[in-house]
Amino acid sequence: MISVASLAPFLGGALALGGIAAALSGRRELLVRWCCWAVGVPLVVGAFWWGSPGVTALALVVGAVAVVEFGGLMGMSRPDRAVLAAAVCGVVLTAWLAPGHEVRAVAAGALAIAAVPLLAGDRAHGLRRLTASLFGLVWLSVLAALVPLGATALVLFVAVSVGDIVAYFTGQRLGGPRLSPLSPAKRWSGTLCGAAAALGVLAALSALSLPTAVAVAVGAPAGDLLESMVKRGARAKDSAHWLAGSGGLLDRVDSLLLALAVLLILR
């Protein structure tokens, strides 16, 4: 049985090694990113250590911030963002307070989202607003899976994060064919190396199974490409600019979102 306590030493060691590597590289960008990880990782681990209330609070915060960033990319109005944020948070709270009724919460959120352009009588942009908001609801409501998965979700987060880092560096060094026109900087070599590293993390943490393997090897890269598609459609490089060295929070959880979705489907 995986527990947060058993993961803490591994995460602390990985964070320390990452700091040493960033310092030795002499690259300011990597040092800034490591500082963000040094602040964020203890907060995430603390939330999971607290149990369901902590994970729920974490999912609510991430969901709300992700909606703001997604709304910015899509040019959504404040009412659309507010209703979408409420819908996503409603699904997360349902996963905690009334597990098993998440589909009903998503349906209720979809109805509330549809009501905004309908009541406004928006003939010119109503369909675009509705489509964007419904996509955001389905995409970001996956954060509710953090609540029932518990420590398994934390393991998935670690594996996906390590896979992303390895894919970034090995893709630059090895080169080769591009993974997709959606993200020209990503290479098949980096994606395969990142998947291997993520699988290694799962094995080291005794969490390797067919569902988790497919989640990190297939779901995570697909999640990254999905956000790239959204950003390219919005002609933006990053989802936001407030997170030092990373752009926005959505840029950091994009791989995790689809990995969680794949894990839910396969479980």
Protein backbone atom coordinates (compact mmCIF):
# COMPACT_ATOMS: atom_id res chain seq x y z
CA MET A 1 0.00 0.00 0.00
CA ILE A 2 1.50 3.33 -1.09
CA SER A 3 1.50 6.05 1.56
CA VAL A 4 2.52 9.67 1.57
CA ALA A 5 4.95 8.97 4.40
CA SER A 6 6.80 6.42 2.27
CA LEU A 7 7.06 8.92 -0.59
CA ALA A 8 8.42 11.82 1.48
CA PRO A 9 12.08 10.60 1.65
CA PHE A 10 12.09 9.90 -2.10
CA LEU A 11 10.69 13.33 -2.91
CA GLY A 12 13.13 15.04 -0.56
CA GLY A 13 16.08 13.22 -2.11
CA ALA A 14 14.91 13.96 -5.65
CA LEU A 15 14.46 17.65 -4.78
CA ALA A 16 17.96 17.82 -3.29
CA LEU A 17 19.55 16.11 -6.31
CA GLY A 18 17.63 18.43 -8.60
CA GLY A 19 18.95 21.45 -6.73
CA ILE A 20 22.53 20.21 -7.03
CA ALA A 21 22.09 19.54 -10.74
CA ALA A 22 20.54 22.98 -11.32
CA ALA A 23 23.38 24.67 -9.42
CA LEU A 24 26.06 22.77 -11.33
CA SER A 25 24.45 23.64 -14.66
CA GLY A 26 24.86 27.35 -13.98
CA ARG A 27 21.67 28.05 -15.94
CA ARG A 28 19.50 30.71 -14.33
CA GLU A 29 16.34 29.27 -15.90
CA LEU A 30 16.90 25.90 -14.22
CA LEU A 31 17.69 27.51 -10.87
CA VAL A 32 14.45 29.52 -11.01
CA ARG A 33 12.46 26.41 -11.87
CA TRP A 34 14.07 24.49 -9.01
CA CYS A 35 13.17 27.28 -6.58
CA CYS A 36 9.54 26.95 -7.68
CA TRP A 37 9.71 23.19 -7.13
CA ALA A 38 11.34 23.73 -3.71
CA VAL A 39 8.32 25.78 -2.66
CA GLY A 40 5.63 23.80 -4.47
CA VAL A 41 6.60 20.21 -3.64
CA PRO A 42 6.36 20.58 0.17
CA LEU A 43 2.96 22.28 -0.25
CA VAL A 44 1.67 19.47 -2.46
CA VAL A 45 3.05 16.75 -0.17
CA GLY A 46 1.58 18.53 2.86
CA ALA A 47 -1.83 18.61 1.21
CA PHE A 48 -1.72 14.88 0.48
CA TRP A 49 -0.42 14.18 4.01
CA TRP A 50 -3.50 15.93 5.44
CA GLY A 51 -5.71 13.42 3.62
CA SER A 52 -8.94 14.00 1.70
CA PRO A 53 -9.56 17.56 3.02
CA GLY A 54 -6.04 18.60 2.03
CA VAL A 55 -6.20 17.00 -1.41
CA THR A 56 -9.63 18.56 -1.98
CA ALA A 57 -8.30 21.99 -1.04
CA LEU A 58 -5.34 21.50 -3.38
CA ALA A 59 -7.60 20.41 -6.26
CA LEU A 60 -9.89 23.40 -5.67
CA VAL A 61 -7.01 25.88 -5.80
CA VAL A 62 -5.43 24.26 -8.87
CA GLY A 63 -8.81 24.04 -10.58
CA ALA A 64 -9.64 27.71 -9.96
CA VAL A 65 -6.25 28.92 -11.18
CA ALA A 66 -6.40 26.63 -14.20
CA VAL A 67 -9.82 28.02 -15.13
CA VAL A 68 -8.49 31.59 -14.95
CA GLU A 69 -5.55 30.68 -17.22
CA PHE A 70 -7.73 28.68 -19.61
CA GLY A 71 -10.23 31.52 -19.74
CA GLY A 72 -7.46 33.93 -20.59
CA LEU A 73 -6.28 31.74 -23.45
CA MET A 74 -9.80 31.39 -24.83
CA GLY A 75 -10.76 35.04 -24.32
CA MET A 76 -13.65 34.07 -22.06
CA SER A 77 -15.70 36.73 -20.30
CA ARG A 78 -15.76 37.04 -16.51
CA PRO A 79 -19.23 35.47 -16.18
CA ASP A 80 -18.12 32.49 -18.29
CA ARG A 81 -14.98 32.04 -16.20
CA ALA A 82 -16.89 32.37 -12.93
CA VAL A 83 -19.49 29.75 -13.87
CA LEU A 84 -16.81 27.39 -15.24
CA ALA A 85 -14.76 27.75 -12.04
CA ALA A 86 -17.85 27.04 -9.93
CA ALA A 87 -18.67 23.98 -12.05
CA VAL A 88 -15.15 22.54 -11.80
CA CYS A 89 -14.99 23.19 -8.06
CA GLY A 90 -18.43 21.59 -7.70
CA VAL A 91 -17.17 18.38 -9.28
CA VAL A 92 -14.13 18.37 -6.97
CA LEU A 93 -16.29 18.89 -3.88
CA THR A 94 -18.65 16.14 -5.03
CA ALA A 95 -15.73 13.71 -5.27
CA TRP A 96 -15.02 14.45 -1.60
CA LEU A 97 -18.48 14.85 -0.07
CA ALA A 98 -20.61 12.61 -2.32
CA PRO A 99 -18.35 10.15 -4.13
CA GLY A 100 -20.06 8.30 -6.95
CA HIS A 101 -22.09 11.32 -8.06
CA GLU A 102 -19.37 13.08 -10.04
CA VAL A 103 -21.15 12.51 -13.37
CA ARG A 104 -24.24 14.26 -12.00
CA ALA A 105 -22.07 17.16 -10.86
CA VAL A 106 -20.55 17.45 -14.34
CA ALA A 107 -24.04 17.40 -15.89
CA ALA A 108 -25.24 20.12 -13.51
CA GLY A 109 -22.16 22.18 -14.31
CA ALA A 110 -22.79 21.77 -18.04
CA LEU A 111 -26.35 23.05 -17.64
CA ALA A 112 -25.16 26.07 -15.67
CA ILE A 113 -22.51 26.79 -18.31
CA ALA A 114 -25.08 26.56 -21.12
CA ALA A 115 -27.38 28.95 -19.28
CA VAL A 116 -24.92 31.86 -19.43
CA PRO A 117 -24.88 32.48 -23.22
CA LEU A 118 -28.53 31.39 -23.50
CA LEU A 119 -29.78 33.93 -20.98
CA ALA A 120 -27.54 36.57 -22.51
CA GLY A 121 -29.06 35.87 -25.93
CA ASP A 122 -25.60 35.79 -27.51
CA ARG A 123 -26.33 34.93 -31.14
CA ALA A 124 -22.92 35.98 -32.44
CA HIS A 125 -20.57 34.12 -30.07
CA GLY A 126 -22.83 31.89 -27.98
CA LEU A 127 -21.81 28.62 -29.63
CA ARG A 128 -18.09 29.40 -29.33
CA ARG A 129 -18.49 30.36 -25.67
CA LEU A 130 -20.47 27.23 -24.93
CA THR A 131 -18.02 24.93 -26.72
CA ALA A 132 -14.98 26.42 -24.99
CA SER A 133 -16.58 26.26 -21.55
CA LEU A 134 -17.80 22.67 -21.95
CA PHE A 135 -14.35 21.59 -23.11
CA GLY A 136 -12.84 23.32 -20.09
CA LEU A 137 -15.30 21.58 -17.78
CA VAL A 138 -14.49 18.10 -19.10
CA TRP A 139 -10.74 18.78 -19.19
CA LEU A 140 -10.29 20.41 -15.79
CA SER A 141 -12.86 18.37 -13.84
CA VAL A 142 -10.39 15.48 -14.04
CA LEU A 143 -8.70 17.17 -11.06
CA ALA A 144 -11.48 15.64 -8.95
CA ALA A 145 -9.70 12.29 -9.41
CA LEU A 146 -7.00 13.50 -7.02
CA VAL A 147 -9.40 13.03 -4.11
CA PRO A 148 -10.19 9.30 -4.39
CA LEU A 149 -6.76 8.33 -5.77
CA GLY A 150 -4.89 9.84 -2.83
CA ALA A 151 -1.23 8.78 -2.63
CA THR A 152 -1.51 7.05 -6.01
CA ALA A 153 -2.19 10.45 -7.58
CA LEU A 154 0.92 11.82 -5.86
CA VAL A 155 2.99 8.97 -7.30
CA LEU A 156 1.53 9.71 -10.73
CA PHE A 157 2.43 13.37 -10.32
CA VAL A 158 6.04 12.48 -9.45
CA ALA A 159 6.37 10.03 -12.35
CA VAL A 160 4.87 12.47 -14.86
CA SER A 161 7.09 15.32 -13.61
CA VAL A 162 10.25 13.24 -13.88
CA GLY A 163 9.18 12.06 -17.33
CA ASP A 164 8.63 15.66 -18.49
CA ILE A 165 12.07 16.74 -17.27
CA VAL A 166 13.87 13.79 -18.86
CA ALA A 167 11.95 14.24 -22.13
CA TYR A 168 12.95 17.92 -22.25
CA PHE A 169 16.68 17.34 -21.84
CA THR A 170 17.07 14.13 -23.84
CA GLY A 171 14.98 15.49 -26.70
CA GLN A 172 17.34 18.47 -26.97
CA ARG A 173 20.43 16.28 -26.87
CA LEU A 174 19.33 13.36 -29.07
CA GLY A 175 17.19 15.24 -31.60
CA GLY A 176 15.43 13.17 -34.23
CA PRO A 177 11.89 13.28 -35.66
CA ARG A 178 9.41 15.74 -34.18
CA LEU A 179 6.64 14.31 -32.03
CA SER A 180 3.91 16.53 -33.48
CA PRO A 181 3.49 19.80 -35.41
CA LEU A 182 1.61 21.03 -32.34
CA SER A 183 4.88 21.16 -30.43
CA PRO A 184 7.89 21.40 -32.79
CA ALA A 185 10.42 21.39 -29.92
CA LYS A 186 9.37 17.93 -28.74
CA ARG A 187 11.04 14.88 -30.25
CA TRP A 188 10.17 11.21 -30.28
CA SER A 189 13.55 10.48 -28.68
CA GLY A 190 12.74 12.69 -25.71
CA THR A 191 9.21 11.32 -25.39
CA LEU A 192 10.42 7.71 -25.32
CA CYS A 193 13.20 8.49 -22.83
CA GLY A 194 10.76 10.42 -20.67
CA ALA A 195 8.29 7.51 -20.73
CA ALA A 196 11.07 5.10 -19.71
CA ALA A 197 12.07 7.38 -16.83
CA ALA A 198 8.45 7.71 -15.67
CA LEU A 199 8.03 3.92 -15.75
CA GLY A 200 11.24 3.61 -13.74
CA VAL A 201 9.82 5.94 -11.08
CA LEU A 202 6.64 3.88 -10.89
CA ALA A 203 8.69 0.70 -10.48
CA ALA A 204 10.90 2.26 -7.80
CA LEU A 205 7.82 3.34 -5.86
CA SER A 206 6.10 -0.06 -6.25
CA ALA A 207 3.28 1.51 -8.25
CA LEU A 208 3.92 -0.02 -11.67
CA SER A 209 0.83 -1.59 -13.23
CA LEU A 210 -0.74 -1.61 -16.66
CA PRO A 211 -3.09 1.35 -15.90
CA THR A 212 -0.36 3.52 -14.34
CA ALA A 213 2.11 2.58 -17.10
CA VAL A 214 -0.27 3.59 -19.88
CA ALA A 215 -1.18 6.74 -17.96
CA VAL A 216 2.40 8.04 -17.76
CA ALA A 217 3.68 6.67 -21.08
CA VAL A 218 0.70 7.63 -23.26
CA GLY A 219 -1.62 9.90 -21.31
CA ALA A 220 1.05 12.33 -20.09
CA PRO A 221 2.59 13.12 -23.52
CA ALA A 222 -0.90 13.38 -25.02
CA GLY A 223 -1.90 15.81 -22.27
CA ASP A 224 1.06 18.02 -23.08
CA LEU A 225 0.11 18.05 -26.77
CA LEU A 226 -3.51 18.82 -25.89
CA GLU A 227 -2.50 21.98 -24.05
CA SER A 228 -0.13 22.87 -26.91
CA MET A 229 -3.12 22.67 -29.26
CA VAL A 230 -5.09 25.02 -27.02
CA LYS A 231 -2.19 27.48 -26.79
CA ARG A 232 -1.54 27.41 -30.52
CA GLY A 233 -5.18 28.11 -31.17
CA ALA A 234 -4.85 31.11 -28.86
CA ARG A 235 -1.48 32.10 -30.40
CA ALA A 236 0.17 31.96 -26.98
CA LYS A 237 3.46 30.42 -25.86
CA ASP A 238 2.48 29.94 -22.21
CA SER A 239 -0.84 29.61 -20.39
CA ALA A 240 0.17 32.55 -18.14
CA HIS A 241 3.24 34.48 -17.01
CA TRP A 242 3.02 34.55 -13.22
CA LEU A 243 4.88 31.32 -12.37
CA ALA A 244 8.61 32.00 -12.56
CA GLY A 245 10.40 29.78 -15.06
CA SER A 246 7.23 27.89 -15.97
CA GLY A 247 4.73 30.33 -17.45
CA GLY A 248 1.49 29.24 -15.80
CA LEU A 249 0.12 26.50 -13.58
CA LEU A 250 -1.71 24.91 -16.50
CA ASP A 251 1.67 24.42 -18.19
CA ARG A 252 2.74 22.33 -15.20
CA VAL A 253 -0.34 20.13 -14.82
CA ASP A 254 -1.27 19.58 -18.47
CA SER A 255 0.44 16.18 -18.62
CA LEU A 256 -1.02 15.13 -15.28
CA LEU A 257 -4.59 15.91 -16.36
CA LEU A 258 -4.72 13.40 -19.19
CA ALA A 259 -2.65 10.89 -17.22
CA LEU A 260 -5.32 11.01 -14.51
CA ALA A 261 -8.06 10.59 -17.11
CA VAL A 262 -6.36 7.52 -18.60
CA LEU A 263 -5.84 6.01 -15.16
CA LEU A 264 -9.51 6.51 -14.28
CA ILE A 265 -10.64 4.85 -17.51
CA LEU A 266 -8.33 1.84 -17.14
CA ARG A 267 -9.04 1.32 -13.44
